Amino acid sequence: MTSQERDKLLITPLNGYDPLLGRWLWLLTDSRRRTLEVLAGMAESALDWRPDEEANTIGTLLYHIVAIELDWLYVEILEQPDYGAKVTTLLPYDVRAPSGRLMPVYGESLDSHLARLAASRQLLLDELRPLTAAELYRVRRFEPYDVTPEWVLYHLVEHVTGHRGEIGELRRQADRSSR
């Protein structure tokens, strides 16, 4: 193996951001890339498949990932609880059903989910571009908790990683059930 063929297992801050923030955004970008790999080549029917009535679908989880990412971005990081039209257009459904479970999202194409993921990520990157290191560590105070943007970004990486595993397992089961 030549040096050109070597894997490079490095965290490289995204350009155009404070270097500390750029490292966190690289982590989010890599997590999204890995999620998209799990979705690559997936049958449309797998989006709405679930093993039982209590399980979430892949489509529901993809919607949830976007909704949670944008909620944490606007409410906790930017301290703007009124998202505005660009977010409400992306998120036409409530996040939770009256039962408290995730709102089921059915009948959307994989392309629709991928477009929502791309649009939400672009919003996040655009909104965070001016964030400084000082702001990354500034504590935001809310009624039930205190939080920093750094912790939010950590949580978003953890959130998507957990759901990526769930999506992968649902896809495996959906593929197996369609044979």
N, C-alpha and C. Protein backbone atom coordinates (compact mmCIF):
# COMPACT_ATOMS: atom_id res chain seq x y z
N MET A 1 0.84 -1.17 0.00
CA MET A 1 0.00 0.00 0.00
C MET A 1 0.90 1.24 0.00
N THR A 2 0.67 2.14 -0.92
CA THR A 2 1.46 3.37 -0.96
C THR A 2 0.86 4.40 -0.03
N SER A 3 1.61 5.47 0.20
CA SER A 3 1.12 6.52 1.10
C SER A 3 -0.13 7.18 0.53
N GLN A 4 -0.32 7.15 -0.79
CA GLN A 4 -1.53 7.74 -1.39
C GLN A 4 -2.75 6.88 -1.13
N GLU A 5 -2.56 5.58 -0.88
CA GLU A 5 -3.67 4.66 -0.65
C GLU A 5 -4.03 4.53 0.82
N ARG A 6 -3.27 5.15 1.68
CA ARG A 6 -3.50 5.00 3.12
C ARG A 6 -4.79 5.70 3.52
N ASP A 7 -5.53 5.05 4.42
CA ASP A 7 -6.67 5.71 5.03
C ASP A 7 -6.17 6.84 5.90
N LYS A 8 -6.89 7.90 5.92
CA LYS A 8 -6.56 9.05 6.77
C LYS A 8 -7.65 9.18 7.81
N LEU A 9 -7.38 8.73 9.01
CA LEU A 9 -8.33 8.76 10.10
C LEU A 9 -8.07 10.02 10.92
N LEU A 10 -8.52 11.13 10.39
CA LEU A 10 -8.24 12.44 10.96
C LEU A 10 -9.52 13.25 11.07
N ILE A 11 -9.58 14.11 12.05
CA ILE A 11 -10.66 15.08 12.14
C ILE A 11 -10.10 16.39 11.63
N THR A 12 -10.67 16.86 10.54
CA THR A 12 -10.21 18.09 9.91
C THR A 12 -11.32 19.13 10.00
N PRO A 13 -11.09 20.22 10.71
CA PRO A 13 -12.16 21.21 10.87
C PRO A 13 -12.71 21.66 9.52
N LEU A 14 -14.03 21.85 9.47
CA LEU A 14 -14.62 22.39 8.24
C LEU A 14 -14.10 23.80 8.02
N ASN A 15 -13.80 24.13 6.79
CA ASN A 15 -13.31 25.47 6.44
C ASN A 15 -14.41 26.50 6.62
N GLY A 16 -14.01 27.71 6.97
CA GLY A 16 -14.95 28.82 7.07
C GLY A 16 -15.60 28.96 8.43
N TYR A 17 -15.15 28.19 9.40
CA TYR A 17 -15.71 28.24 10.75
C TYR A 17 -14.58 28.42 11.74
N ASP A 18 -14.91 28.92 12.91
CA ASP A 18 -13.94 28.91 14.00
C ASP A 18 -13.41 27.48 14.09
N PRO A 19 -12.09 27.29 14.21
CA PRO A 19 -11.53 25.93 14.21
C PRO A 19 -12.14 24.98 15.24
N LEU A 20 -12.48 25.47 16.42
CA LEU A 20 -13.11 24.61 17.42
C LEU A 20 -14.49 24.16 16.95
N LEU A 21 -15.27 25.09 16.44
CA LEU A 21 -16.59 24.75 15.91
C LEU A 21 -16.44 23.85 14.69
N GLY A 22 -15.46 24.14 13.85
CA GLY A 22 -15.24 23.36 12.64
C GLY A 22 -14.98 21.89 12.92
N ARG A 23 -14.36 21.59 14.05
CA ARG A 23 -14.12 20.19 14.44
C ARG A 23 -15.45 19.50 14.77
N TRP A 24 -16.30 20.19 15.52
CA TRP A 24 -17.60 19.62 15.85
C TRP A 24 -18.44 19.43 14.59
N LEU A 25 -18.36 20.38 13.69
CA LEU A 25 -19.15 20.27 12.45
C LEU A 25 -18.62 19.14 11.57
N TRP A 26 -17.32 18.89 11.62
CA TRP A 26 -16.78 17.72 10.91
C TRP A 26 -17.40 16.45 11.47
N LEU A 27 -17.50 16.36 12.81
CA LEU A 27 -18.09 15.18 13.44
C LEU A 27 -19.54 14.99 12.98
N LEU A 28 -20.31 16.08 12.96
CA LEU A 28 -21.69 15.99 12.48
C LEU A 28 -21.75 15.59 11.01
N THR A 29 -20.85 16.14 10.21
CA THR A 29 -20.81 15.82 8.79
C THR A 29 -20.47 14.36 8.56
N ASP A 30 -19.51 13.86 9.32
CA ASP A 30 -19.13 12.46 9.18
C ASP A 30 -20.26 11.55 9.64
N SER A 31 -20.94 11.91 10.71
CA SER A 31 -22.09 11.12 11.17
C SER A 31 -23.18 11.09 10.11
N ARG A 32 -23.42 12.20 9.46
CA ARG A 32 -24.44 12.25 8.39
C ARG A 32 -24.00 11.39 7.20
N ARG A 33 -22.71 11.48 6.84
CA ARG A 33 -22.20 10.67 5.74
C ARG A 33 -22.43 9.19 6.01
N ARG A 34 -22.16 8.77 7.22
CA ARG A 34 -22.34 7.36 7.58
C ARG A 34 -23.81 6.97 7.57
N THR A 35 -24.67 7.88 7.97
CA THR A 35 -26.12 7.61 7.90
C THR A 35 -26.56 7.45 6.45
N LEU A 36 -26.07 8.31 5.58
CA LEU A 36 -26.42 8.21 4.16
C LEU A 36 -25.92 6.90 3.56
N GLU A 37 -24.78 6.41 4.03
CA GLU A 37 -24.28 5.11 3.56
C GLU A 37 -25.25 3.99 3.94
N VAL A 38 -25.84 4.06 5.12
CA VAL A 38 -26.81 3.04 5.55
C VAL A 38 -28.04 3.08 4.65
N LEU A 39 -28.39 4.26 4.15
CA LEU A 39 -29.59 4.42 3.32
C LEU A 39 -29.34 4.11 1.84
N ALA A 40 -28.09 4.10 1.42
CA ALA A 40 -27.77 3.94 -0.01
C ALA A 40 -28.34 2.64 -0.56
N GLY A 41 -29.05 2.75 -1.68
CA GLY A 41 -29.58 1.58 -2.36
C GLY A 41 -30.77 0.93 -1.68
N MET A 42 -31.32 1.58 -0.69
CA MET A 42 -32.43 1.00 0.07
C MET A 42 -33.71 1.01 -0.77
N ALA A 43 -34.49 -0.03 -0.66
CA ALA A 43 -35.79 -0.10 -1.34
C ALA A 43 -36.74 0.91 -0.70
N GLU A 44 -37.54 1.57 -1.51
CA GLU A 44 -38.51 2.54 -1.01
C GLU A 44 -39.44 1.91 0.02
N SER A 45 -39.79 0.65 -0.18
CA SER A 45 -40.72 -0.02 0.73
C SER A 45 -40.16 -0.13 2.15
N ALA A 46 -38.85 -0.10 2.29
CA ALA A 46 -38.24 -0.21 3.62
C ALA A 46 -38.51 1.02 4.49
N LEU A 47 -38.78 2.16 3.86
CA LEU A 47 -39.02 3.40 4.61
C LEU A 47 -40.21 3.29 5.55
N ASP A 48 -41.27 2.61 5.12
CA ASP A 48 -42.50 2.54 5.91
C ASP A 48 -42.68 1.19 6.61
N TRP A 49 -41.71 0.29 6.45
CA TRP A 49 -41.80 -1.04 7.06
C TRP A 49 -41.48 -0.93 8.55
N ARG A 50 -42.18 -1.74 9.34
CA ARG A 50 -41.83 -1.85 10.77
C ARG A 50 -42.15 -3.27 11.24
N PRO A 51 -41.38 -3.75 12.17
CA PRO A 51 -41.54 -5.14 12.60
C PRO A 51 -42.80 -5.37 13.43
N ASP A 52 -43.31 -4.32 14.06
CA ASP A 52 -44.53 -4.44 14.86
C ASP A 52 -45.15 -3.05 15.04
N GLU A 53 -46.29 -3.00 15.66
CA GLU A 53 -47.05 -1.75 15.81
C GLU A 53 -46.35 -0.73 16.71
N GLU A 54 -45.48 -1.17 17.57
CA GLU A 54 -44.80 -0.27 18.50
C GLU A 54 -43.52 0.35 17.92
N ALA A 55 -43.01 -0.22 16.86
CA ALA A 55 -41.73 0.23 16.30
C ALA A 55 -41.89 1.48 15.44
N ASN A 56 -40.84 2.25 15.38
CA ASN A 56 -40.79 3.38 14.45
C ASN A 56 -40.37 2.87 13.07
N THR A 57 -40.69 3.62 12.05
CA THR A 57 -40.23 3.31 10.70
C THR A 57 -38.96 4.08 10.41
N ILE A 58 -38.27 3.70 9.38
CA ILE A 58 -37.08 4.45 8.96
C ILE A 58 -37.47 5.87 8.58
N GLY A 59 -38.58 6.02 7.86
CA GLY A 59 -39.05 7.35 7.50
C GLY A 59 -39.33 8.22 8.71
N THR A 60 -39.94 7.65 9.72
CA THR A 60 -40.21 8.38 10.96
C THR A 60 -38.91 8.80 11.62
N LEU A 61 -37.93 7.91 11.66
CA LEU A 61 -36.64 8.24 12.29
C LEU A 61 -35.89 9.32 11.52
N LEU A 62 -35.94 9.27 10.20
CA LEU A 62 -35.27 10.31 9.41
C LEU A 62 -35.89 11.67 9.66
N TYR A 63 -37.21 11.72 9.73
CA TYR A 63 -37.90 12.98 10.02
C TYR A 63 -37.50 13.46 11.43
N HIS A 64 -37.50 12.56 12.37
CA HIS A 64 -37.15 12.88 13.76
C HIS A 64 -35.73 13.43 13.87
N ILE A 65 -34.78 12.84 13.15
CA ILE A 65 -33.40 13.32 13.18
C ILE A 65 -33.34 14.79 12.77
N VAL A 66 -34.03 15.13 11.70
CA VAL A 66 -34.05 16.52 11.22
C VAL A 66 -34.73 17.43 12.24
N ALA A 67 -35.89 17.01 12.74
CA ALA A 67 -36.64 17.85 13.67
C ALA A 67 -35.84 18.15 14.93
N ILE A 68 -35.19 17.15 15.46
CA ILE A 68 -34.41 17.35 16.70
C ILE A 68 -33.19 18.22 16.43
N GLU A 69 -32.52 17.99 15.32
CA GLU A 69 -31.35 18.80 14.98
C GLU A 69 -31.72 20.28 14.87
N LEU A 70 -32.80 20.57 14.18
CA LEU A 70 -33.20 21.97 13.99
C LEU A 70 -33.74 22.58 15.28
N ASP A 71 -34.43 21.79 16.09
CA ASP A 71 -34.93 22.31 17.36
C ASP A 71 -33.77 22.71 18.27
N TRP A 72 -32.79 21.84 18.42
CA TRP A 72 -31.63 22.18 19.25
C TRP A 72 -30.87 23.37 18.67
N LEU A 73 -30.76 23.44 17.36
CA LEU A 73 -30.08 24.56 16.73
C LEU A 73 -30.76 25.88 17.07
N TYR A 74 -32.05 25.96 16.78
CA TYR A 74 -32.73 27.24 16.93
C TYR A 74 -33.06 27.58 18.38
N VAL A 75 -33.51 26.63 19.17
CA VAL A 75 -33.92 26.94 20.54
C VAL A 75 -32.70 27.12 21.44
N GLU A 76 -31.83 26.12 21.48
CA GLU A 76 -30.74 26.17 22.45
C GLU A 76 -29.51 26.93 21.96
N ILE A 77 -29.07 26.69 20.74
CA ILE A 77 -27.84 27.36 20.30
C ILE A 77 -28.11 28.82 19.93
N LEU A 78 -29.09 29.04 19.05
CA LEU A 78 -29.34 30.40 18.55
C LEU A 78 -30.31 31.18 19.43
N GLU A 79 -30.98 30.49 20.35
CA GLU A 79 -31.94 31.11 21.26
C GLU A 79 -33.05 31.84 20.49
N GLN A 80 -33.53 31.16 19.44
CA GLN A 80 -34.61 31.68 18.59
C GLN A 80 -35.72 30.62 18.51
N PRO A 81 -36.60 30.56 19.50
CA PRO A 81 -37.62 29.50 19.50
C PRO A 81 -38.62 29.60 18.36
N ASP A 82 -38.71 30.75 17.70
CA ASP A 82 -39.58 30.88 16.52
C ASP A 82 -38.73 30.58 15.30
N TYR A 83 -38.88 29.38 14.75
CA TYR A 83 -38.02 28.90 13.68
C TYR A 83 -38.13 29.69 12.39
N GLY A 84 -39.30 30.13 12.06
CA GLY A 84 -39.50 30.80 10.79
C GLY A 84 -39.92 29.84 9.70
N ALA A 85 -40.26 30.40 8.56
CA ALA A 85 -40.85 29.64 7.44
C ALA A 85 -39.92 28.59 6.87
N LYS A 86 -38.63 28.87 6.82
CA LYS A 86 -37.71 27.90 6.20
C LYS A 86 -37.70 26.57 6.96
N VAL A 87 -37.89 26.61 8.26
CA VAL A 87 -37.91 25.38 9.05
C VAL A 87 -39.30 24.74 9.02
N THR A 88 -40.35 25.53 9.16
CA THR A 88 -41.69 24.95 9.18
C THR A 88 -42.04 24.32 7.84
N THR A 89 -41.46 24.79 6.76
CA THR A 89 -41.66 24.16 5.45
C THR A 89 -41.03 22.77 5.43
N LEU A 90 -39.88 22.64 6.04
CA LEU A 90 -39.19 21.34 6.10
C LEU A 90 -39.88 20.36 7.05
N LEU A 91 -40.56 20.90 8.04
CA LEU A 91 -41.13 20.06 9.10
C LEU A 91 -42.65 20.27 9.19
N PRO A 92 -43.40 19.71 8.26
CA PRO A 92 -44.85 19.93 8.27
C PRO A 92 -45.60 19.16 9.36
N TYR A 93 -44.96 18.19 9.99
CA TYR A 93 -45.62 17.37 11.01
C TYR A 93 -45.08 17.72 12.38
N ASP A 94 -45.88 17.47 13.40
CA ASP A 94 -45.39 17.58 14.77
C ASP A 94 -44.32 16.52 14.98
N VAL A 95 -43.48 16.73 15.95
CA VAL A 95 -42.43 15.75 16.26
C VAL A 95 -43.02 14.55 16.99
N ARG A 96 -43.98 14.81 17.85
CA ARG A 96 -44.57 13.74 18.65
C ARG A 96 -46.08 13.66 18.42
N ALA A 97 -46.56 12.45 18.46
CA ALA A 97 -48.01 12.20 18.39
C ALA A 97 -48.60 12.49 19.77
N PRO A 98 -49.91 12.64 19.87
CA PRO A 98 -50.53 12.88 21.19
C PRO A 98 -50.17 11.82 22.24
N SER A 99 -49.87 10.62 21.80
CA SER A 99 -49.48 9.54 22.72
C SER A 99 -48.09 9.76 23.33
N GLY A 100 -47.32 10.69 22.76
CA GLY A 100 -45.96 10.92 23.21
C GLY A 100 -44.92 10.21 22.37
N ARG A 101 -45.36 9.27 21.57
CA ARG A 101 -44.43 8.55 20.66
C ARG A 101 -44.07 9.47 19.50
N LEU A 102 -43.03 9.11 18.76
CA LEU A 102 -42.69 9.89 17.58
C LEU A 102 -43.86 9.89 16.61
N MET A 103 -44.11 11.04 15.97
CA MET A 103 -45.17 11.15 14.99
C MET A 103 -44.82 10.25 13.81
N PRO A 104 -45.68 9.30 13.48
CA PRO A 104 -45.39 8.44 12.33
C PRO A 104 -45.37 9.25 11.03
N VAL A 105 -44.36 9.01 10.23
CA VAL A 105 -44.23 9.67 8.93
C VAL A 105 -44.22 8.56 7.88
N TYR A 106 -45.27 8.53 7.08
CA TYR A 106 -45.44 7.49 6.06
C TYR A 106 -45.61 8.12 4.69
N GLY A 107 -45.28 7.34 3.67
CA GLY A 107 -45.61 7.72 2.30
C GLY A 107 -44.68 8.71 1.64
N GLU A 108 -43.59 9.05 2.27
CA GLU A 108 -42.62 9.95 1.64
C GLU A 108 -41.53 9.12 0.97
N SER A 109 -41.05 9.60 -0.13
CA SER A 109 -40.00 8.89 -0.87
C SER A 109 -38.65 9.06 -0.18
N LEU A 110 -37.72 8.18 -0.51
CA LEU A 110 -36.37 8.32 0.00
C LEU A 110 -35.77 9.64 -0.46
N ASP A 111 -36.03 10.02 -1.71
CA ASP A 111 -35.52 11.30 -2.20
C ASP A 111 -36.04 12.47 -1.37
N SER A 112 -37.29 12.40 -0.95
CA SER A 112 -37.87 13.46 -0.11
C SER A 112 -37.14 13.53 1.24
N HIS A 113 -36.91 12.38 1.83
CA HIS A 113 -36.19 12.35 3.11
C HIS A 113 -34.75 12.84 2.94
N LEU A 114 -34.11 12.43 1.87
CA LEU A 114 -32.72 12.87 1.64
C LEU A 114 -32.66 14.37 1.40
N ALA A 115 -33.64 14.91 0.68
CA ALA A 115 -33.68 16.36 0.45
C ALA A 115 -33.88 17.11 1.77
N ARG A 116 -34.73 16.59 2.65
CA ARG A 116 -34.95 17.22 3.96
C ARG A 116 -33.66 17.17 4.79
N LEU A 117 -32.98 16.03 4.77
CA LEU A 117 -31.71 15.92 5.50
C LEU A 117 -30.69 16.93 4.97
N ALA A 118 -30.60 17.06 3.66
CA ALA A 118 -29.64 17.99 3.05
C ALA A 118 -30.00 19.44 3.38
N ALA A 119 -31.27 19.78 3.27
CA ALA A 119 -31.71 21.16 3.52
C ALA A 119 -31.50 21.54 4.99
N SER A 120 -31.82 20.62 5.89
CA SER A 120 -31.64 20.92 7.31
C SER A 120 -30.17 21.08 7.65
N ARG A 121 -29.34 20.24 7.07
CA ARG A 121 -27.91 20.35 7.35
C ARG A 121 -27.35 21.67 6.81
N GLN A 122 -27.82 22.08 5.63
CA GLN A 122 -27.36 23.36 5.09
C GLN A 122 -27.79 24.52 5.99
N LEU A 123 -29.01 24.46 6.51
CA LEU A 123 -29.46 25.48 7.46
C LEU A 123 -28.55 25.53 8.68
N LEU A 124 -28.24 24.38 9.23
CA LEU A 124 -27.38 24.32 10.39
C LEU A 124 -26.01 24.93 10.09
N LEU A 125 -25.43 24.54 8.97
CA LEU A 125 -24.11 25.06 8.61
C LEU A 125 -24.15 26.57 8.38
N ASP A 126 -25.18 27.04 7.71
CA ASP A 126 -25.30 28.48 7.45
C ASP A 126 -25.49 29.26 8.74
N GLU A 127 -26.36 28.76 9.61
CA GLU A 127 -26.66 29.48 10.86
C GLU A 127 -25.47 29.49 11.81
N LEU A 128 -24.64 28.45 11.76
CA LEU A 128 -23.52 28.37 12.70
C LEU A 128 -22.24 29.04 12.19
N ARG A 129 -22.22 29.45 10.93
CA ARG A 129 -20.99 30.03 10.38
C ARG A 129 -20.43 31.17 11.26
N PRO A 130 -21.26 32.09 11.75
CA PRO A 130 -20.68 33.18 12.57
C PRO A 130 -20.36 32.82 14.01
N LEU A 131 -20.70 31.60 14.45
CA LEU A 131 -20.49 31.25 15.86
C LEU A 131 -19.00 31.24 16.20
N THR A 132 -18.66 31.91 17.26
CA THR A 132 -17.26 31.97 17.72
C THR A 132 -17.01 30.93 18.80
N ALA A 133 -15.74 30.74 19.12
CA ALA A 133 -15.39 29.81 20.20
C ALA A 133 -16.02 30.26 21.51
N ALA A 134 -16.03 31.56 21.76
CA ALA A 134 -16.64 32.06 22.99
C ALA A 134 -18.11 31.69 23.05
N GLU A 135 -18.81 31.81 21.92
CA GLU A 135 -20.23 31.45 21.87
C GLU A 135 -20.43 29.94 21.99
N LEU A 136 -19.48 29.18 21.49
CA LEU A 136 -19.56 27.72 21.58
C LEU A 136 -19.61 27.28 23.03
N TYR A 137 -18.94 28.02 23.91
CA TYR A 137 -18.86 27.67 25.32
C TYR A 137 -19.79 28.49 26.22
N ARG A 138 -20.49 29.48 25.64
CA ARG A 138 -21.37 30.32 26.46
C ARG A 138 -22.59 29.51 26.90
N VAL A 139 -22.86 29.52 28.17
CA VAL A 139 -23.98 28.78 28.74
C VAL A 139 -25.28 29.49 28.41
N ARG A 140 -26.25 28.72 27.91
CA ARG A 140 -27.61 29.20 27.70
C ARG A 140 -28.44 28.68 28.87
N ARG A 141 -29.22 29.54 29.45
CA ARG A 141 -30.00 29.16 30.63
C ARG A 141 -31.48 29.04 30.25
N PHE A 142 -32.02 27.85 30.53
CA PHE A 142 -33.43 27.58 30.30
C PHE A 142 -34.04 27.10 31.61
N GLU A 143 -35.35 27.09 31.67
CA GLU A 143 -36.03 26.72 32.91
C GLU A 143 -35.51 25.39 33.49
N PRO A 144 -35.49 24.32 32.72
CA PRO A 144 -35.10 23.05 33.35
C PRO A 144 -33.61 22.73 33.30
N TYR A 145 -32.80 23.48 32.55
CA TYR A 145 -31.40 23.11 32.40
C TYR A 145 -30.57 24.27 31.85
N ASP A 146 -29.26 24.13 32.02
CA ASP A 146 -28.27 25.01 31.39
C ASP A 146 -27.57 24.19 30.33
N VAL A 147 -27.20 24.81 29.21
CA VAL A 147 -26.60 24.06 28.11
C VAL A 147 -25.67 24.97 27.31
N THR A 148 -24.61 24.38 26.77
CA THR A 148 -23.73 25.11 25.86
C THR A 148 -23.93 24.57 24.44
N PRO A 149 -23.63 25.37 23.42
CA PRO A 149 -23.67 24.84 22.05
C PRO A 149 -22.75 23.64 21.87
N GLU A 150 -21.62 23.63 22.55
CA GLU A 150 -20.72 22.49 22.44
C GLU A 150 -21.43 21.21 22.87
N TRP A 151 -22.17 21.25 23.98
CA TRP A 151 -22.89 20.06 24.44
C TRP A 151 -23.98 19.69 23.43
N VAL A 152 -24.65 20.68 22.86
CA VAL A 152 -25.69 20.41 21.86
C VAL A 152 -25.09 19.65 20.68
N LEU A 153 -23.94 20.09 20.20
CA LEU A 153 -23.31 19.42 19.06
C LEU A 153 -22.90 18.00 19.43
N TYR A 154 -22.39 17.81 20.63
CA TYR A 154 -22.09 16.45 21.11
C TYR A 154 -23.36 15.61 21.10
N HIS A 155 -24.43 16.16 21.64
CA HIS A 155 -25.70 15.43 21.71
C HIS A 155 -26.22 15.08 20.32
N LEU A 156 -26.09 15.99 19.36
CA LEU A 156 -26.57 15.72 18.01
C LEU A 156 -25.77 14.59 17.35
N VAL A 157 -24.47 14.55 17.59
CA VAL A 157 -23.66 13.43 17.07
C VAL A 157 -24.14 12.13 17.70
N GLU A 158 -24.32 12.14 19.00
CA GLU A 158 -24.79 10.95 19.71
C GLU A 158 -26.19 10.54 19.23
N HIS A 159 -27.06 11.49 19.03
CA HIS A 159 -28.44 11.25 18.62
C HIS A 159 -28.49 10.57 17.26
N VAL A 160 -27.80 11.13 16.29
CA VAL A 160 -27.86 10.55 14.95
C VAL A 160 -27.15 9.20 14.90
N THR A 161 -26.11 9.04 15.69
CA THR A 161 -25.40 7.76 15.72
C THR A 161 -26.30 6.65 16.26
N GLY A 162 -27.02 6.94 17.33
CA GLY A 162 -27.94 5.95 17.88
C GLY A 162 -29.04 5.58 16.89
N HIS A 163 -29.62 6.60 16.25
CA HIS A 163 -30.68 6.32 15.29
C HIS A 163 -30.15 5.65 14.02
N ARG A 164 -28.89 5.93 13.67
CA ARG A 164 -28.31 5.25 12.51
C ARG A 164 -28.27 3.74 12.75
N GLY A 165 -27.90 3.35 13.94
CA GLY A 165 -27.91 1.92 14.27
C GLY A 165 -29.32 1.34 14.18
N GLU A 166 -30.28 2.07 14.68
CA GLU A 166 -31.68 1.63 14.63
C GLU A 166 -32.15 1.53 13.18
N ILE A 167 -31.79 2.51 12.36
CA ILE A 167 -32.16 2.50 10.94
C ILE A 167 -31.53 1.30 10.24
N GLY A 168 -30.26 1.05 10.53
CA GLY A 168 -29.58 -0.09 9.92
C GLY A 168 -30.25 -1.41 10.25
N GLU A 169 -30.65 -1.56 11.51
CA GLU A 169 -31.32 -2.79 11.92
C GLU A 169 -32.71 -2.90 11.29
N LEU A 170 -33.45 -1.80 11.23
CA LEU A 170 -34.76 -1.83 10.56
C LEU A 170 -34.61 -2.18 9.08
N ARG A 171 -33.59 -1.62 8.45
CA ARG A 171 -33.38 -1.93 7.03
C ARG A 171 -33.06 -3.42 6.86
N ARG A 172 -32.21 -3.95 7.72
CA ARG A 172 -31.85 -5.36 7.64
C ARG A 172 -33.10 -6.23 7.78
N GLN A 173 -33.94 -5.90 8.75
CA GLN A 173 -35.16 -6.68 8.95
C GLN A 173 -36.14 -6.51 7.79
N ALA A 174 -36.26 -5.29 7.27
CA ALA A 174 -37.16 -5.05 6.13
C ALA A 174 -36.68 -5.82 4.91
N ASP A 175 -35.39 -5.78 4.66
CA ASP A 175 -34.83 -6.52 3.52
C ASP A 175 -35.09 -8.02 3.68
N ARG A 176 -34.92 -8.52 4.88
CA ARG A 176 -35.12 -9.95 5.14
C ARG A 176 -36.60 -10.33 4.97
N SER A 177 -37.51 -9.47 5.40
CA SER A 177 -38.94 -9.79 5.32
C SER A 177 -39.47 -9.73 3.88
N SER A 178 -38.76 -9.04 3.00
CA SER A 178 -39.23 -8.92 1.61
C SER A 178 -38.73 -10.05 0.72
N ARG A 179 -37.93 -10.93 1.27
CA ARG A 179 -37.40 -12.05 0.47
C ARG A 179 -38.42 -13.13 0.29
